[in-house]
Structure formats: structure tokens, C-alpha cells
Amino acid sequence: MQSKYYKASQVMQILGISRVTLWHWEQVGYLKPYRFGRSVYYRISDIQSLGSKKPPKFLSIYSKLKHNKKSL
């Protein structure tokens, strides 16, 4: 069985999200990117399964970064 993939631009359009949100989802493990050369793709099955997952809170990573800067 061969997996099919969407380009990052297609995922952003389908889900109605920005590149920043897509990057954030990658960082927190909500959506796994697959890189082929310099291009980034996402499995169609992963996109379809997002409906059953709760999206991560966007500001959680930034609050951690802000906290870490204060301790420097």
C-alpha cells in the first residue's frame, strides 16, 4: 500500500492555517512532516486523523521560551 502525501501549501489551504501554525504543530508533535530533499510533505492519513485529536495550545511553546530567557 502506497501512502499519498500533501505538500505543505496544500495542508495550509485545506486546514485553513498559516505556515506558523503548521510549524508549531510540527514542533509539538501534533503533525509529522516528511522531508524529501528540500520539500516538506504530510501524509494524507495523518491529515484525516487530525479530526480526532485536540489541537495543541499555540502559546504554550512561547511561554516556555519566554520563561527560559528570564533564567539566562
PDB file of N, CA and C in Angstrom:
ATOM      1  N   MET A   1       0.843  -1.192   0.000  1.00  0.00           N
ATOM      2  CA  MET A   1       0.000   0.000   0.000  1.00  0.00           C
ATOM      3  C   MET A   1       0.879   1.242   0.000  1.00  0.00           C
ATOM      4  N   GLN A   2       0.623   2.114  -0.917  1.00  0.00           N
ATOM      5  CA  GLN A   2       1.435   3.304  -1.058  1.00  0.00           C
ATOM      6  C   GLN A   2       0.755   4.489  -0.372  1.00  0.00           C
ATOM      7  N   SER A   3       1.503   5.209   0.458  1.00  0.00           N
ATOM      8  CA  SER A   3       0.959   6.382   1.133  1.00  0.00           C
ATOM      9  C   SER A   3       0.996   7.567   0.186  1.00  0.00           C
ATOM     10  N   LYS A   4      -0.003   8.383   0.259  1.00  0.00           N
ATOM     11  CA  LYS A   4      -0.039   9.598  -0.546  1.00  0.00           C
ATOM     12  C   LYS A   4       0.244  10.777   0.367  1.00  0.00           C
ATOM     13  N   TYR A   5       0.799  11.802  -0.212  1.00  0.00           N
ATOM     14  CA  TYR A   5       1.233  12.955   0.566  1.00  0.00           C
ATOM     15  C   TYR A   5       0.666  14.256   0.003  1.00  0.00           C
ATOM     16  N   TYR A   6       0.497  15.243   0.905  1.00  0.00           N
ATOM     17  CA  TYR A   6       0.158  16.606   0.520  1.00  0.00           C
ATOM     18  C   TYR A   6       1.389  17.474   0.724  1.00  0.00           C
ATOM     19  N   LYS A   7       1.536  18.475  -0.117  1.00  0.00           N
ATOM     20  CA  LYS A   7       2.568  19.485   0.098  1.00  0.00           C
ATOM     21  C   LYS A   7       2.124  20.381   1.251  1.00  0.00           C
ATOM     22  N   ALA A   8       3.077  21.074   1.863  1.00  0.00           N
ATOM     23  CA  ALA A   8       2.771  21.965   2.983  1.00  0.00           C
ATOM     24  C   ALA A   8       1.749  23.019   2.580  1.00  0.00           C
ATOM     25  N   SER A   9       1.881  23.578   1.386  1.00  0.00           N
ATOM     26  CA  SER A   9       0.942  24.609   0.930  1.00  0.00           C
ATOM     27  C   SER A   9      -0.479  24.061   0.812  1.00  0.00           C
ATOM     28  N   GLN A  10      -0.610  22.803   0.395  1.00  0.00           N
ATOM     29  CA  GLN A  10      -1.927  22.179   0.297  1.00  0.00           C
ATOM     30  C   GLN A  10      -2.539  21.972   1.686  1.00  0.00           C
ATOM     31  N   VAL A  11      -1.718  21.547   2.635  1.00  0.00           N
ATOM     32  CA  VAL A  11      -2.195  21.324   4.001  1.00  0.00           C
ATOM     33  C   VAL A  11      -2.682  22.643   4.603  1.00  0.00           C
ATOM     34  N   MET A  12      -1.930  23.716   4.401  1.00  0.00           N
ATOM     35  CA  MET A  12      -2.327  25.017   4.931  1.00  0.00           C
ATOM     36  C   MET A  12      -3.665  25.453   4.340  1.00  0.00           C
ATOM     37  N   GLN A  13      -3.858  25.222   3.063  1.00  0.00           N
ATOM     38  CA  GLN A  13      -5.100  25.615   2.403  1.00  0.00           C
ATOM     39  C   GLN A  13      -6.265  24.741   2.874  1.00  0.00           C
ATOM     40  N   ILE A  14      -6.065  23.431   2.954  1.00  0.00           N
ATOM     41  CA  ILE A  14      -7.123  22.509   3.367  1.00  0.00           C
ATOM     42  C   ILE A  14      -7.583  22.790   4.794  1.00  0.00           C
ATOM     43  N   LEU A  15      -6.611  22.976   5.698  1.00  0.00           N
ATOM     44  CA  LEU A  15      -6.930  23.173   7.110  1.00  0.00           C
ATOM     45  C   LEU A  15      -7.225  24.627   7.469  1.00  0.00           C
ATOM     46  N   GLY A  16      -6.901  25.546   6.563  1.00  0.00           N
ATOM     47  CA  GLY A  16      -7.139  26.963   6.829  1.00  0.00           C
ATOM     48  C   GLY A  16      -6.227  27.508   7.915  1.00  0.00           C
ATOM     49  N   ILE A  17      -4.955  27.079   7.885  1.00  0.00           N
ATOM     50  CA  ILE A  17      -3.987  27.515   8.892  1.00  0.00           C
ATOM     51  C   ILE A  17      -2.824  28.219   8.219  1.00  0.00           C
ATOM     52  N   SER A  18      -2.041  28.929   9.021  1.00  0.00           N
ATOM     53  CA  SER A  18      -0.870  29.633   8.498  1.00  0.00           C
ATOM     54  C   SER A  18       0.361  28.714   8.565  1.00  0.00           C
ATOM     55  N   ARG A  19       1.423  29.155   7.938  1.00  0.00           N
ATOM     56  CA  ARG A  19       2.692  28.411   7.977  1.00  0.00           C
ATOM     57  C   ARG A  19       3.218  28.354   9.408  1.00  0.00           C
ATOM     58  N   VAL A  20       3.021  29.410  10.166  1.00  0.00           N
ATOM     59  CA  VAL A  20       3.487  29.450  11.555  1.00  0.00           C
ATOM     60  C   VAL A  20       2.770  28.377  12.381  1.00  0.00           C
ATOM     61  N   THR A  21       1.460  28.245  12.185  1.00  0.00           N
ATOM     62  CA  THR A  21       0.695  27.227  12.909  1.00  0.00           C
ATOM     63  C   THR A  21       1.168  25.834  12.513  1.00  0.00           C
ATOM     64  N   LEU A  22       1.396  25.627  11.236  1.00  0.00           N
ATOM     65  CA  LEU A  22       1.882  24.334  10.753  1.00  0.00           C
ATOM     66  C   LEU A  22       3.245  24.012  11.373  1.00  0.00           C
ATOM     67  N   TRP A  23       4.123  24.995  11.434  1.00  0.00           N
ATOM     68  CA  TRP A  23       5.443  24.812  12.050  1.00  0.00           C
ATOM     69  C   TRP A  23       5.285  24.459  13.533  1.00  0.00           C
ATOM     70  N   HIS A  24       4.401  25.177  14.218  1.00  0.00           N
ATOM     71  CA  HIS A  24       4.170  24.925  15.643  1.00  0.00           C
ATOM     72  C   HIS A  24       3.678  23.491  15.852  1.00  0.00           C
ATOM     73  N   TRP A  25       2.741  23.053  15.037  1.00  0.00           N
ATOM     74  CA  TRP A  25       2.215  21.697  15.153  1.00  0.00           C
ATOM     75  C   TRP A  25       3.325  20.664  14.955  1.00  0.00           C
ATOM     76  N   GLU A  26       4.269  20.962  14.055  1.00  0.00           N
ATOM     77  CA  GLU A  26       5.416  20.065  13.863  1.00  0.00           C
ATOM     78  C   GLU A  26       6.267  20.016  15.128  1.00  0.00           C
ATOM     79  N   GLN A  27       6.513  21.181  15.733  1.00  0.00           N
ATOM     80  CA  GLN A  27       7.383  21.271  16.910  1.00  0.00           C
ATOM     81  C   GLN A  27       6.837  20.523  18.117  1.00  0.00           C
ATOM     82  N   VAL A  28       5.515  20.540  18.285  1.00  0.00           N
ATOM     83  CA  VAL A  28       4.911  19.880  19.444  1.00  0.00           C
ATOM     84  C   VAL A  28       4.495  18.436  19.143  1.00  0.00           C
ATOM     85  N   GLY A  29       4.721  17.981  17.911  1.00  0.00           N
ATOM     86  CA  GLY A  29       4.427  16.593  17.558  1.00  0.00           C
ATOM     87  C   GLY A  29       2.991  16.319  17.174  1.00  0.00           C
ATOM     88  N   TYR A  30       2.213  17.361  16.919  1.00  0.00           N
ATOM     89  CA  TYR A  30       0.809  17.189  16.541  1.00  0.00           C
ATOM     90  C   TYR A  30       0.687  16.673  15.111  1.00  0.00           C
ATOM     91  N   LEU A  31       1.622  17.066  14.257  1.00  0.00           N
ATOM     92  CA  LEU A  31       1.623  16.655  12.853  1.00  0.00           C
ATOM     93  C   LEU A  31       3.062  16.395  12.429  1.00  0.00           C
ATOM     94  N   LYS A  32       3.298  15.237  11.841  1.00  0.00           N
ATOM     95  CA  LYS A  32       4.658  14.844  11.479  1.00  0.00           C
ATOM     96  C   LYS A  32       4.961  15.192  10.023  1.00  0.00           C
ATOM     97  N   PRO A  33       6.030  15.973   9.792  1.00  0.00           N
ATOM     98  CA  PRO A  33       6.428  16.293   8.422  1.00  0.00           C
ATOM     99  C   PRO A  33       7.329  15.196   7.849  1.00  0.00           C
ATOM    100  N   TYR A  34       7.285  15.053   6.551  1.00  0.00           N
ATOM    101  CA  TYR A  34       8.179  14.137   5.834  1.00  0.00           C
ATOM    102  C   TYR A  34       8.931  14.975   4.823  1.00  0.00           C
ATOM    103  N   ARG A  35      10.238  14.946   4.904  1.00  0.00           N
ATOM    104  CA  ARG A  35      11.052  15.773   4.025  1.00  0.00           C
ATOM    105  C   ARG A  35      11.704  14.912   2.947  1.00  0.00           C
ATOM    106  N   PHE A  36      11.517  15.368   1.723  1.00  0.00           N
ATOM    107  CA  PHE A  36      12.137  14.727   0.568  1.00  0.00           C
ATOM    108  C   PHE A  36      12.937  15.820  -0.126  1.00  0.00           C
ATOM    109  N   GLY A  37      14.245  15.786   0.095  1.00  0.00           N
ATOM    110  CA  GLY A  37      15.068  16.877  -0.403  1.00  0.00           C
ATOM    111  C   GLY A  37      14.747  18.130   0.391  1.00  0.00           C
ATOM    112  N   ARG A  38      14.423  19.211  -0.309  1.00  0.00           N
ATOM    113  CA  ARG A  38      14.078  20.461   0.364  1.00  0.00           C
ATOM    114  C   ARG A  38      12.574  20.648   0.521  1.00  0.00           C
ATOM    115  N   SER A  39      11.793  19.706   0.025  1.00  0.00           N
ATOM    116  CA  SER A  39      10.338  19.815   0.087  1.00  0.00           C
ATOM    117  C   SER A  39       9.781  19.122   1.328  1.00  0.00           C
ATOM    118  N   VAL A  40       8.694  19.674   1.862  1.00  0.00           N
ATOM    119  CA  VAL A  40       8.046  19.131   3.053  1.00  0.00           C
ATOM    120  C   VAL A  40       6.666  18.619   2.659  1.00  0.00           C
ATOM    121  N   TYR A  41       6.368  17.402   3.077  1.00  0.00           N
ATOM    122  CA  TYR A  41       5.091  16.776   2.774  1.00  0.00           C
ATOM    123  C   TYR A  41       4.478  16.211   4.049  1.00  0.00           C
ATOM    124  N   TYR A  42       3.161  15.966   3.983  1.00  0.00           N
ATOM    125  CA  TYR A  42       2.420  15.397   5.104  1.00  0.00           C
ATOM    126  C   TYR A  42       1.540  14.287   4.569  1.00  0.00           C
ATOM    127  N   ARG A  43       1.470  13.176   5.290  1.00  0.00           N
ATOM    128  CA  ARG A  43       0.636  12.056   4.873  1.00  0.00           C
ATOM    129  C   ARG A  43      -0.836  12.437   4.896  1.00  0.00           C
ATOM    130  N   ILE A  44      -1.560  12.038   3.885  1.00  0.00           N
ATOM    131  CA  ILE A  44      -2.997  12.292   3.825  1.00  0.00           C
ATOM    132  C   ILE A  44      -3.689  11.637   5.015  1.00  0.00           C
ATOM    133  N   SER A  45      -3.278  10.434   5.375  1.00  0.00           N
ATOM    134  CA  SER A  45      -3.897   9.737   6.509  1.00  0.00           C
ATOM    135  C   SER A  45      -3.672  10.493   7.816  1.00  0.00           C
ATOM    136  N   ASP A  46      -2.517  11.156   7.966  1.00  0.00           N
ATOM    137  CA  ASP A  46      -2.254  11.961   9.166  1.00  0.00           C
ATOM    138  C   ASP A  46      -3.173  13.180   9.211  1.00  0.00           C
ATOM    139  N   ILE A  47      -3.396  13.799   8.058  1.00  0.00           N
ATOM    140  CA  ILE A  47      -4.272  14.967   7.984  1.00  0.00           C
ATOM    141  C   ILE A  47      -5.701  14.564   8.337  1.00  0.00           C
ATOM    142  N   GLN A  48      -6.142  13.420   7.812  1.00  0.00           N
ATOM    143  CA  GLN A  48      -7.500  12.955   8.064  1.00  0.00           C
ATOM    144  C   GLN A  48      -7.715  12.588   9.528  1.00  0.00           C
ATOM    145  N   SER A  49      -6.682  12.121  10.201  1.00  0.00           N
ATOM    146  CA  SER A  49      -6.822  11.722  11.607  1.00  0.00           C
ATOM    147  C   SER A  49      -6.790  12.904  12.580  1.00  0.00           C
ATOM    148  N   LEU A  50      -6.495  14.107  12.099  1.00  0.00           N
ATOM    149  CA  LEU A  50      -6.442  15.277  12.977  1.00  0.00           C
ATOM    150  C   LEU A  50      -7.796  15.589  13.601  1.00  0.00           C
ATOM    151  N   GLY A  51      -8.874  15.198  12.958  1.00  0.00           N
ATOM    152  CA  GLY A  51     -10.204  15.471  13.491  1.00  0.00           C
ATOM    153  C   GLY A  51     -10.448  14.808  14.833  1.00  0.00           C
ATOM    154  N   SER A  52      -9.740  13.713  15.104  1.00  0.00           N
ATOM    155  CA  SER A  52      -9.921  13.009  16.371  1.00  0.00           C
ATOM    156  C   SER A  52      -8.953  13.482  17.456  1.00  0.00           C
ATOM    157  N   LYS A  53      -8.027  14.377  17.109  1.00  0.00           N
ATOM    158  CA  LYS A  53      -7.056  14.893  18.078  1.00  0.00           C
ATOM    159  C   LYS A  53      -7.428  16.310  18.486  1.00  0.00           C
ATOM    160  N   LYS A  54      -7.093  16.652  19.703  1.00  0.00           N
ATOM    161  CA  LYS A  54      -7.290  18.020  20.179  1.00  0.00           C
ATOM    162  C   LYS A  54      -6.067  18.845  19.772  1.00  0.00           C
ATOM    163  N   PRO A  55      -6.269  19.991  19.094  1.00  0.00           N
ATOM    164  CA  PRO A  55      -5.119  20.803  18.686  1.00  0.00           C
ATOM    165  C   PRO A  55      -4.353  21.330  19.892  1.00  0.00           C
ATOM    166  N   PRO A  56      -3.028  21.450  19.774  1.00  0.00           N
ATOM    167  CA  PRO A  56      -2.235  21.969  20.895  1.00  0.00           C
ATOM    168  C   PRO A  56      -2.494  23.452  21.097  1.00  0.00           C
ATOM    169  N   LYS A  57      -2.250  23.916  22.309  1.00  0.00           N
ATOM    170  CA  LYS A  57      -2.376  25.346  22.580  1.00  0.00           C
ATOM    171  C   LYS A  57      -1.192  26.048  21.942  1.00  0.00           C
ATOM    172  N   PHE A  58      -1.486  27.092  21.202  1.00  0.00           N
ATOM    173  CA  PHE A  58      -0.459  27.770  20.419  1.00  0.00           C
ATOM    174  C   PHE A  58       0.573  28.467  21.284  1.00  0.00           C
ATOM    175  N   LEU A  59       0.153  29.080  22.370  1.00  0.00           N
ATOM    176  CA  LEU A  59       1.073  29.889  23.158  1.00  0.00           C
ATOM    177  C   LEU A  59       1.940  29.086  24.109  1.00  0.00           C
ATOM    178  N   SER A  60       1.707  27.797  24.245  1.00  0.00           N
ATOM    179  CA  SER A  60       2.464  27.016  25.212  1.00  0.00           C
ATOM    180  C   SER A  60       3.962  27.020  24.928  1.00  0.00           C
ATOM    181  N   ILE A  61       4.358  26.905  23.679  1.00  0.00           N
ATOM    182  CA  ILE A  61       5.789  26.881  23.351  1.00  0.00           C
ATOM    183  C   ILE A  61       6.407  28.259  23.593  1.00  0.00           C
ATOM    184  N   TYR A  62       5.657  29.336  23.330  1.00  0.00           N
ATOM    185  CA  TYR A  62       6.200  30.671  23.514  1.00  0.00           C
ATOM    186  C   TYR A  62       6.341  31.028  24.986  1.00  0.00           C
ATOM    187  N   SER A  63       5.445  30.538  25.816  1.00  0.00           N
ATOM    188  CA  SER A  63       5.579  30.807  27.243  1.00  0.00           C
ATOM    189  C   SER A  63       6.809  30.094  27.799  1.00  0.00           C
ATOM    190  N   LYS A  64       7.124  28.909  27.284  1.00  0.00           N
ATOM    191  CA  LYS A  64       8.332  28.204  27.719  1.00  0.00           C
ATOM    192  C   LYS A  64       9.577  28.952  27.269  1.00  0.00           C
ATOM    193  N   LEU A  65       9.569  29.465  26.042  1.00  0.00           N
ATOM    194  CA  LEU A  65      10.721  30.216  25.550  1.00  0.00           C
ATOM    195  C   LEU A  65      10.926  31.490  26.367  1.00  0.00           C
ATOM    196  N   LYS A  66       9.836  32.177  26.683  1.00  0.00           N
ATOM    197  CA  LYS A  66       9.916  33.404  27.464  1.00  0.00           C
ATOM    198  C   LYS A  66      10.473  33.106  28.855  1.00  0.00           C
ATOM    199  N   HIS A  67      10.021  32.015  29.457  1.00  0.00           N
ATOM    200  CA  HIS A  67      10.489  31.623  30.777  1.00  0.00           C
ATOM    201  C   HIS A  67      11.985  31.294  30.750  1.00  0.00           C
ATOM    202  N   ASN A  68      12.429  30.593  29.727  1.00  0.00           N
ATOM    203  CA  ASN A  68      13.839  30.220  29.608  1.00  0.00           C
ATOM    204  C   ASN A  68      14.741  31.438  29.414  1.00  0.00           C
ATOM    205  N   LYS A  69      14.261  32.463  28.724  1.00  0.00           N
ATOM    206  CA  LYS A  69      15.058  33.673  28.524  1.00  0.00           C
ATOM    207  C   LYS A  69      15.291  34.393  29.853  1.00  0.00           C
ATOM    208  N   LYS A  70      14.296  34.401  30.734  1.00  0.00           N
ATOM    209  CA  LYS A  70      14.430  35.082  32.014  1.00  0.00           C
ATOM    210  C   LYS A  70      15.491  34.442  32.892  1.00  0.00           C
ATOM    211  N   SER A  71      15.669  33.126  32.748  1.00  0.00           N
ATOM    212  CA  SER A  71      16.643  32.439  33.577  1.00  0.00           C
ATOM    213  C   SER A  71      18.074  32.578  33.083  1.00  0.00           C
ATOM    214  N   LEU A  72      18.243  33.139  31.875  1.00  0.00           N
ATOM    215  CA  LEU A  72      19.598  33.307  31.319  1.00  0.00           C
ATOM    216  C   LEU A  72      20.359  34.408  31.975  1.00  0.00           C
TER     217      LEU A  72
END
